[in-house]
Amino acid sequence: MRLASTFSLRRCQILAITHSEQSALAKINDFTLAYHVPLIRLNDNYDITHLVPVMYILGAIGRLLIK
């Protein structure tokens, strides 16, 4: 949040990739890509659902930029 706030103060546009449009980051950015997946935890502790969609979206954006 601190880094996003710093970029915002310097008039940089911010894109948030988040699982909730209501997250604190989504509220202060310029663009939001929200994804919705059911929460899956391993051993009732490790959340494995939030980073996978983000990595996929970043990879897809990267592949589009290369073209």
PDB file of N, CA and C in Angstrom:
ATOM      1  N   MET A   1       0.819  -1.186   0.000  1.00  0.00           N
ATOM      2  CA  MET A   1       0.000   0.000   0.000  1.00  0.00           C
ATOM      3  C   MET A   1       0.865   1.252   0.000  1.00  0.00           C
ATOM      4  N   ARG A   2       1.938   1.217   0.765  1.00  0.00           N
ATOM      5  CA  ARG A   2       2.807   2.392   0.845  1.00  0.00           C
ATOM      6  C   ARG A   2       3.423   2.690  -0.517  1.00  0.00           C
ATOM      7  N   LEU A   3       3.861   1.646  -1.221  1.00  0.00           N
ATOM      8  CA  LEU A   3       4.470   1.829  -2.535  1.00  0.00           C
ATOM      9  C   LEU A   3       3.445   2.360  -3.532  1.00  0.00           C
ATOM     10  N   ALA A   4       2.244   1.815  -3.517  1.00  0.00           N
ATOM     11  CA  ALA A   4       1.188   2.285  -4.412  1.00  0.00           C
ATOM     12  C   ALA A   4       0.841   3.739  -4.113  1.00  0.00           C
ATOM     13  N   SER A   5       0.792   4.104  -2.851  1.00  0.00           N
ATOM     14  CA  SER A   5       0.513   5.493  -2.478  1.00  0.00           C
ATOM     15  C   SER A   5       1.605   6.431  -2.977  1.00  0.00           C
ATOM     16  N   THR A   6       2.856   5.984  -2.888  1.00  0.00           N
ATOM     17  CA  THR A   6       3.973   6.799  -3.375  1.00  0.00           C
ATOM     18  C   THR A   6       3.855   7.020  -4.876  1.00  0.00           C
ATOM     19  N   PHE A   7       3.562   5.956  -5.618  1.00  0.00           N
ATOM     20  CA  PHE A   7       3.389   6.103  -7.069  1.00  0.00           C
ATOM     21  C   PHE A   7       2.226   7.040  -7.383  1.00  0.00           C
ATOM     22  N   SER A   8       1.151   6.911  -6.642  1.00  0.00           N
ATOM     23  CA  SER A   8      -0.017   7.756  -6.862  1.00  0.00           C
ATOM     24  C   SER A   8       0.316   9.234  -6.626  1.00  0.00           C
ATOM     25  N   LEU A   9       1.067   9.512  -5.584  1.00  0.00           N
ATOM     26  CA  LEU A   9       1.465  10.894  -5.308  1.00  0.00           C
ATOM     27  C   LEU A   9       2.334  11.471  -6.418  1.00  0.00           C
ATOM     28  N   ARG A  10       3.068  10.597  -7.102  1.00  0.00           N
ATOM     29  CA  ARG A  10       3.920  11.041  -8.219  1.00  0.00           C
ATOM     30  C   ARG A  10       3.194  10.978  -9.551  1.00  0.00           C
ATOM     31  N   ARG A  11       1.880  10.875  -9.477  1.00  0.00           N
ATOM     32  CA  ARG A  11       0.994  10.886 -10.640  1.00  0.00           C
ATOM     33  C   ARG A  11       1.224   9.728 -11.612  1.00  0.00           C
ATOM     34  N   CYS A  12       1.673   8.607 -11.085  1.00  0.00           N
ATOM     35  CA  CYS A  12       1.795   7.389 -11.883  1.00  0.00           C
ATOM     36  C   CYS A  12       0.450   6.674 -11.872  1.00  0.00           C
ATOM     37  N   GLN A  13       0.109   6.050 -12.985  1.00  0.00           N
ATOM     38  CA  GLN A  13      -1.118   5.277 -13.007  1.00  0.00           C
ATOM     39  C   GLN A  13      -0.844   3.909 -12.381  1.00  0.00           C
ATOM     40  N   ILE A  14      -1.819   3.406 -11.647  1.00  0.00           N
ATOM     41  CA  ILE A  14      -1.664   2.161 -10.917  1.00  0.00           C
ATOM     42  C   ILE A  14      -2.701   1.160 -11.408  1.00  0.00           C
ATOM     43  N   LEU A  15      -2.222  -0.059 -11.691  1.00  0.00           N
ATOM     44  CA  LEU A  15      -3.092  -1.171 -12.053  1.00  0.00           C
ATOM     45  C   LEU A  15      -3.030  -2.182 -10.922  1.00  0.00           C
ATOM     46  N   ALA A  16      -4.170  -2.534 -10.365  1.00  0.00           N
ATOM     47  CA  ALA A  16      -4.224  -3.538  -9.304  1.00  0.00           C
ATOM     48  C   ALA A  16      -4.827  -4.816  -9.857  1.00  0.00           C
ATOM     49  N   ILE A  17      -4.168  -5.933  -9.588  1.00  0.00           N
ATOM     50  CA  ILE A  17      -4.720  -7.246  -9.895  1.00  0.00           C
ATOM     51  C   ILE A  17      -5.062  -7.848  -8.542  1.00  0.00           C
ATOM     52  N   THR A  18      -6.342  -7.972  -8.280  1.00  0.00           N
ATOM     53  CA  THR A  18      -6.782  -8.336  -6.935  1.00  0.00           C
ATOM     54  C   THR A  18      -7.995  -9.249  -6.985  1.00  0.00           C
ATOM     55  N   HIS A  19      -8.220  -9.957  -5.907  1.00  0.00           N
ATOM     56  CA  HIS A  19      -9.374 -10.851  -5.832  1.00  0.00           C
ATOM     57  C   HIS A  19     -10.634 -10.131  -5.364  1.00  0.00           C
ATOM     58  N   SER A  20     -10.518  -8.854  -5.047  1.00  0.00           N
ATOM     59  CA  SER A  20     -11.684  -8.120  -4.546  1.00  0.00           C
ATOM     60  C   SER A  20     -11.658  -6.674  -5.024  1.00  0.00           C
ATOM     61  N   GLU A  21     -12.760  -6.250  -5.590  1.00  0.00           N
ATOM     62  CA  GLU A  21     -12.873  -4.848  -5.995  1.00  0.00           C
ATOM     63  C   GLU A  21     -12.943  -3.927  -4.785  1.00  0.00           C
ATOM     64  N   GLN A  22     -13.166  -4.509  -3.620  1.00  0.00           N
ATOM     65  CA  GLN A  22     -13.297  -3.728  -2.393  1.00  0.00           C
ATOM     66  C   GLN A  22     -12.002  -3.658  -1.584  1.00  0.00           C
ATOM     67  N   SER A  23     -10.919  -4.220  -2.099  1.00  0.00           N
ATOM     68  CA  SER A  23      -9.656  -4.202  -1.352  1.00  0.00           C
ATOM     69  C   SER A  23      -9.127  -2.771  -1.253  1.00  0.00           C
ATOM     70  N   ALA A  24      -8.275  -2.553  -0.288  1.00  0.00           N
ATOM     71  CA  ALA A  24      -7.701  -1.218  -0.091  1.00  0.00           C
ATOM     72  C   ALA A  24      -6.940  -0.762  -1.335  1.00  0.00           C
ATOM     73  N   LEU A  25      -6.203  -1.667  -1.961  1.00  0.00           N
ATOM     74  CA  LEU A  25      -5.446  -1.310  -3.164  1.00  0.00           C
ATOM     75  C   LEU A  25      -6.383  -0.953  -4.311  1.00  0.00           C
ATOM     76  N   ALA A  26      -7.458  -1.708  -4.476  1.00  0.00           N
ATOM     77  CA  ALA A  26      -8.408  -1.435  -5.557  1.00  0.00           C
ATOM     78  C   ALA A  26      -9.051  -0.061  -5.408  1.00  0.00           C
ATOM     79  N   LYS A  27      -9.155   0.411  -4.184  1.00  0.00           N
ATOM     80  CA  LYS A  27      -9.804   1.708  -3.952  1.00  0.00           C
ATOM     81  C   LYS A  27      -8.914   2.902  -4.273  1.00  0.00           C
ATOM     82  N   ILE A  28      -7.582   2.718  -4.299  1.00  0.00           N
ATOM     83  CA  ILE A  28      -6.704   3.872  -4.551  1.00  0.00           C
ATOM     84  C   ILE A  28      -6.062   3.853  -5.925  1.00  0.00           C
ATOM     85  N   ASN A  29      -6.353   2.835  -6.746  1.00  0.00           N
ATOM     86  CA  ASN A  29      -5.680   2.750  -8.030  1.00  0.00           C
ATOM     87  C   ASN A  29      -6.497   3.360  -9.150  1.00  0.00           C
ATOM     88  N   ASP A  30      -5.902   3.322 -10.352  1.00  0.00           N
ATOM     89  CA  ASP A  30      -6.580   3.847 -11.533  1.00  0.00           C
ATOM     90  C   ASP A  30      -7.346   2.757 -12.277  1.00  0.00           C
ATOM     91  N   PHE A  31      -6.813   1.546 -12.270  1.00  0.00           N
ATOM     92  CA  PHE A  31      -7.415   0.419 -12.981  1.00  0.00           C
ATOM     93  C   PHE A  31      -7.389  -0.802 -12.080  1.00  0.00           C
ATOM     94  N   THR A  32      -8.438  -1.616 -12.176  1.00  0.00           N
ATOM     95  CA  THR A  32      -8.506  -2.842 -11.390  1.00  0.00           C
ATOM     96  C   THR A  32      -8.841  -4.011 -12.295  1.00  0.00           C
ATOM     97  N   LEU A  33      -8.053  -5.066 -12.201  1.00  0.00           N
ATOM     98  CA  LEU A  33      -8.391  -6.349 -12.808  1.00  0.00           C
ATOM     99  C   LEU A  33      -8.731  -7.267 -11.643  1.00  0.00           C
ATOM    100  N   ALA A  34     -10.000  -7.552 -11.495  1.00  0.00           N
ATOM    101  CA  ALA A  34     -10.433  -8.402 -10.382  1.00  0.00           C
ATOM    102  C   ALA A  34     -10.694  -9.813 -10.901  1.00  0.00           C
ATOM    103  N   TYR A  35     -10.298 -10.783 -10.134  1.00  0.00           N
ATOM    104  CA  TYR A  35     -10.558 -12.176 -10.474  1.00  0.00           C
ATOM    105  C   TYR A  35     -11.299 -12.810  -9.310  1.00  0.00           C
ATOM    106  N   HIS A  36     -12.075 -13.810  -9.633  1.00  0.00           N
ATOM    107  CA  HIS A  36     -12.884 -14.465  -8.606  1.00  0.00           C
ATOM    108  C   HIS A  36     -12.647 -15.966  -8.675  1.00  0.00           C
ATOM    109  N   VAL A  37     -12.039 -16.511  -7.667  1.00  0.00           N
ATOM    110  CA  VAL A  37     -11.807 -17.946  -7.550  1.00  0.00           C
ATOM    111  C   VAL A  37     -12.158 -18.374  -6.130  1.00  0.00           C
ATOM    112  N   PRO A  38     -12.604 -19.607  -5.974  1.00  0.00           N
ATOM    113  CA  PRO A  38     -12.892 -20.066  -4.615  1.00  0.00           C
ATOM    114  C   PRO A  38     -11.602 -20.224  -3.819  1.00  0.00           C
ATOM    115  N   LEU A  39     -11.667 -19.927  -2.554  1.00  0.00           N
ATOM    116  CA  LEU A  39     -10.510 -20.022  -1.671  1.00  0.00           C
ATOM    117  C   LEU A  39     -10.168 -21.484  -1.413  1.00  0.00           C
ATOM    118  N   ILE A  40      -8.911 -21.841  -1.624  1.00  0.00           N
ATOM    119  CA  ILE A  40      -8.428 -23.190  -1.341  1.00  0.00           C
ATOM    120  C   ILE A  40      -7.231 -23.069  -0.411  1.00  0.00           C
ATOM    121  N   ARG A  41      -7.298 -23.759   0.699  1.00  0.00           N
ATOM    122  CA  ARG A  41      -6.189 -23.750   1.661  1.00  0.00           C
ATOM    123  C   ARG A  41      -5.632 -25.162   1.810  1.00  0.00           C
ATOM    124  N   LEU A  42      -4.304 -25.244   1.896  1.00  0.00           N
ATOM    125  CA  LEU A  42      -3.643 -26.513   2.178  1.00  0.00           C
ATOM    126  C   LEU A  42      -3.349 -26.577   3.664  1.00  0.00           C
ATOM    127  N   ASN A  43      -3.638 -27.705   4.257  1.00  0.00           N
ATOM    128  CA  ASN A  43      -3.403 -27.897   5.693  1.00  0.00           C
ATOM    129  C   ASN A  43      -4.076 -26.803   6.532  1.00  0.00           C
ATOM    130  N   ASP A  44      -5.198 -26.288   6.062  1.00  0.00           N
ATOM    131  CA  ASP A  44      -5.956 -25.240   6.756  1.00  0.00           C
ATOM    132  C   ASP A  44      -5.149 -23.970   7.008  1.00  0.00           C
ATOM    133  N   ASN A  45      -4.055 -23.791   6.290  1.00  0.00           N
ATOM    134  CA  ASN A  45      -3.214 -22.634   6.566  1.00  0.00           C
ATOM    135  C   ASN A  45      -2.716 -21.934   5.308  1.00  0.00           C
ATOM    136  N   TYR A  46      -2.274 -22.661   4.312  1.00  0.00           N
ATOM    137  CA  TYR A  46      -1.621 -22.066   3.151  1.00  0.00           C
ATOM    138  C   TYR A  46      -2.623 -21.768   2.045  1.00  0.00           C
ATOM    139  N   ASP A  47      -2.794 -20.510   1.740  1.00  0.00           N
ATOM    140  CA  ASP A  47      -3.720 -20.081   0.692  1.00  0.00           C
ATOM    141  C   ASP A  47      -3.009 -20.206  -0.651  1.00  0.00           C
ATOM    142  N   ILE A  48      -3.513 -21.096  -1.510  1.00  0.00           N
ATOM    143  CA  ILE A  48      -2.865 -21.307  -2.807  1.00  0.00           C
ATOM    144  C   ILE A  48      -3.652 -20.700  -3.959  1.00  0.00           C
ATOM    145  N   THR A  49      -4.714 -19.993  -3.676  1.00  0.00           N
ATOM    146  CA  THR A  49      -5.578 -19.515  -4.757  1.00  0.00           C
ATOM    147  C   THR A  49      -5.289 -18.101  -5.219  1.00  0.00           C
ATOM    148  N   HIS A  50      -4.645 -17.281  -4.431  1.00  0.00           N
ATOM    149  CA  HIS A  50      -4.546 -15.878  -4.806  1.00  0.00           C
ATOM    150  C   HIS A  50      -3.391 -15.559  -5.742  1.00  0.00           C
ATOM    151  N   LEU A  51      -2.287 -16.256  -5.653  1.00  0.00           N
ATOM    152  CA  LEU A  51      -1.152 -15.919  -6.506  1.00  0.00           C
ATOM    153  C   LEU A  51      -1.230 -16.543  -7.897  1.00  0.00           C
ATOM    154  N   VAL A  52      -1.875 -17.689  -8.027  1.00  0.00           N
ATOM    155  CA  VAL A  52      -1.942 -18.355  -9.326  1.00  0.00           C
ATOM    156  C   VAL A  52      -2.647 -17.486 -10.372  1.00  0.00           C
ATOM    157  N   PRO A  53      -3.824 -16.939 -10.110  1.00  0.00           N
ATOM    158  CA  PRO A  53      -4.463 -16.080 -11.114  1.00  0.00           C
ATOM    159  C   PRO A  53      -3.623 -14.839 -11.445  1.00  0.00           C
ATOM    160  N   VAL A  54      -2.973 -14.262 -10.465  1.00  0.00           N
ATOM    161  CA  VAL A  54      -2.144 -13.075 -10.710  1.00  0.00           C
ATOM    162  C   VAL A  54      -0.997 -13.429 -11.643  1.00  0.00           C
ATOM    163  N   MET A  55      -0.325 -14.537 -11.389  1.00  0.00           N
ATOM    164  CA  MET A  55       0.794 -14.947 -12.233  1.00  0.00           C
ATOM    165  C   MET A  55       0.323 -15.237 -13.652  1.00  0.00           C
ATOM    166  N   TYR A  56      -0.843 -15.850 -13.798  1.00  0.00           N
ATOM    167  CA  TYR A  56      -1.383 -16.128 -15.123  1.00  0.00           C
ATOM    168  C   TYR A  56      -1.682 -14.824 -15.872  1.00  0.00           C
ATOM    169  N   ILE A  57      -2.327 -13.883 -15.191  1.00  0.00           N
ATOM    170  CA  ILE A  57      -2.674 -12.598 -15.823  1.00  0.00           C
ATOM    171  C   ILE A  57      -1.411 -11.850 -16.232  1.00  0.00           C
ATOM    172  N   LEU A  58      -0.410 -11.803 -15.352  1.00  0.00           N
ATOM    173  CA  LEU A  58       0.841 -11.122 -15.694  1.00  0.00           C
ATOM    174  C   LEU A  58       1.535 -11.798 -16.877  1.00  0.00           C
ATOM    175  N   GLY A  59       1.525 -13.107 -16.911  1.00  0.00           N
ATOM    176  CA  GLY A  59       2.110 -13.833 -18.041  1.00  0.00           C
ATOM    177  C   GLY A  59       1.378 -13.534 -19.337  1.00  0.00           C
ATOM    178  N   ALA A  60       0.051 -13.505 -19.283  1.00  0.00           N
ATOM    179  CA  ALA A  60      -0.738 -13.212 -20.485  1.00  0.00           C
ATOM    180  C   ALA A  60      -0.478 -11.789 -20.983  1.00  0.00           C
ATOM    181  N   ILE A  61      -0.401 -10.838 -20.073  1.00  0.00           N
ATOM    182  CA  ILE A  61      -0.096  -9.450 -20.462  1.00  0.00           C
ATOM    183  C   ILE A  61       1.301  -9.382 -21.078  1.00  0.00           C
ATOM    184  N   GLY A  62       2.270 -10.062 -20.473  1.00  0.00           N
ATOM    185  CA  GLY A  62       3.626 -10.082 -21.001  1.00  0.00           C
ATOM    186  C   GLY A  62       3.684 -10.664 -22.408  1.00  0.00           C
ATOM    187  N   ARG A  63       2.962 -11.758 -22.631  1.00  0.00           N
ATOM    188  CA  ARG A  63       2.936 -12.370 -23.978  1.00  0.00           C
ATOM    189  C   ARG A  63       2.316 -11.426 -24.994  1.00  0.00           C
ATOM    190  N   LEU A  64       1.286 -10.688 -24.610  1.00  0.00           N
ATOM    191  CA  LEU A  64       0.668  -9.719 -25.530  1.00  0.00           C
ATOM    192  C   LEU A  64       1.615  -8.570 -25.852  1.00  0.00           C
ATOM    193  N   LEU A  65       2.366  -8.129 -24.874  1.00  0.00           N
ATOM    194  CA  LEU A  65       3.306  -7.019 -25.101  1.00  0.00           C
ATOM    195  C   LEU A  65       4.441  -7.422 -26.024  1.00  0.00           C
ATOM    196  N   ILE A  66       4.839  -8.672 -25.993  1.00  0.00           N
ATOM    197  CA  ILE A  66       5.926  -9.147 -26.864  1.00  0.00           C
ATOM    198  C   ILE A  66       5.482  -9.140 -28.323  1.00  0.00           C
ATOM    199  N   LYS A  67       4.217  -9.419 -28.572  1.00  0.00           N
ATOM    200  CA  LYS A  67       3.696  -9.447 -29.950  1.00  0.00           C
ATOM    201  C   LYS A  67       3.685  -8.081 -30.481  1.00  0.00           C
TER     202      LYS A  67
END
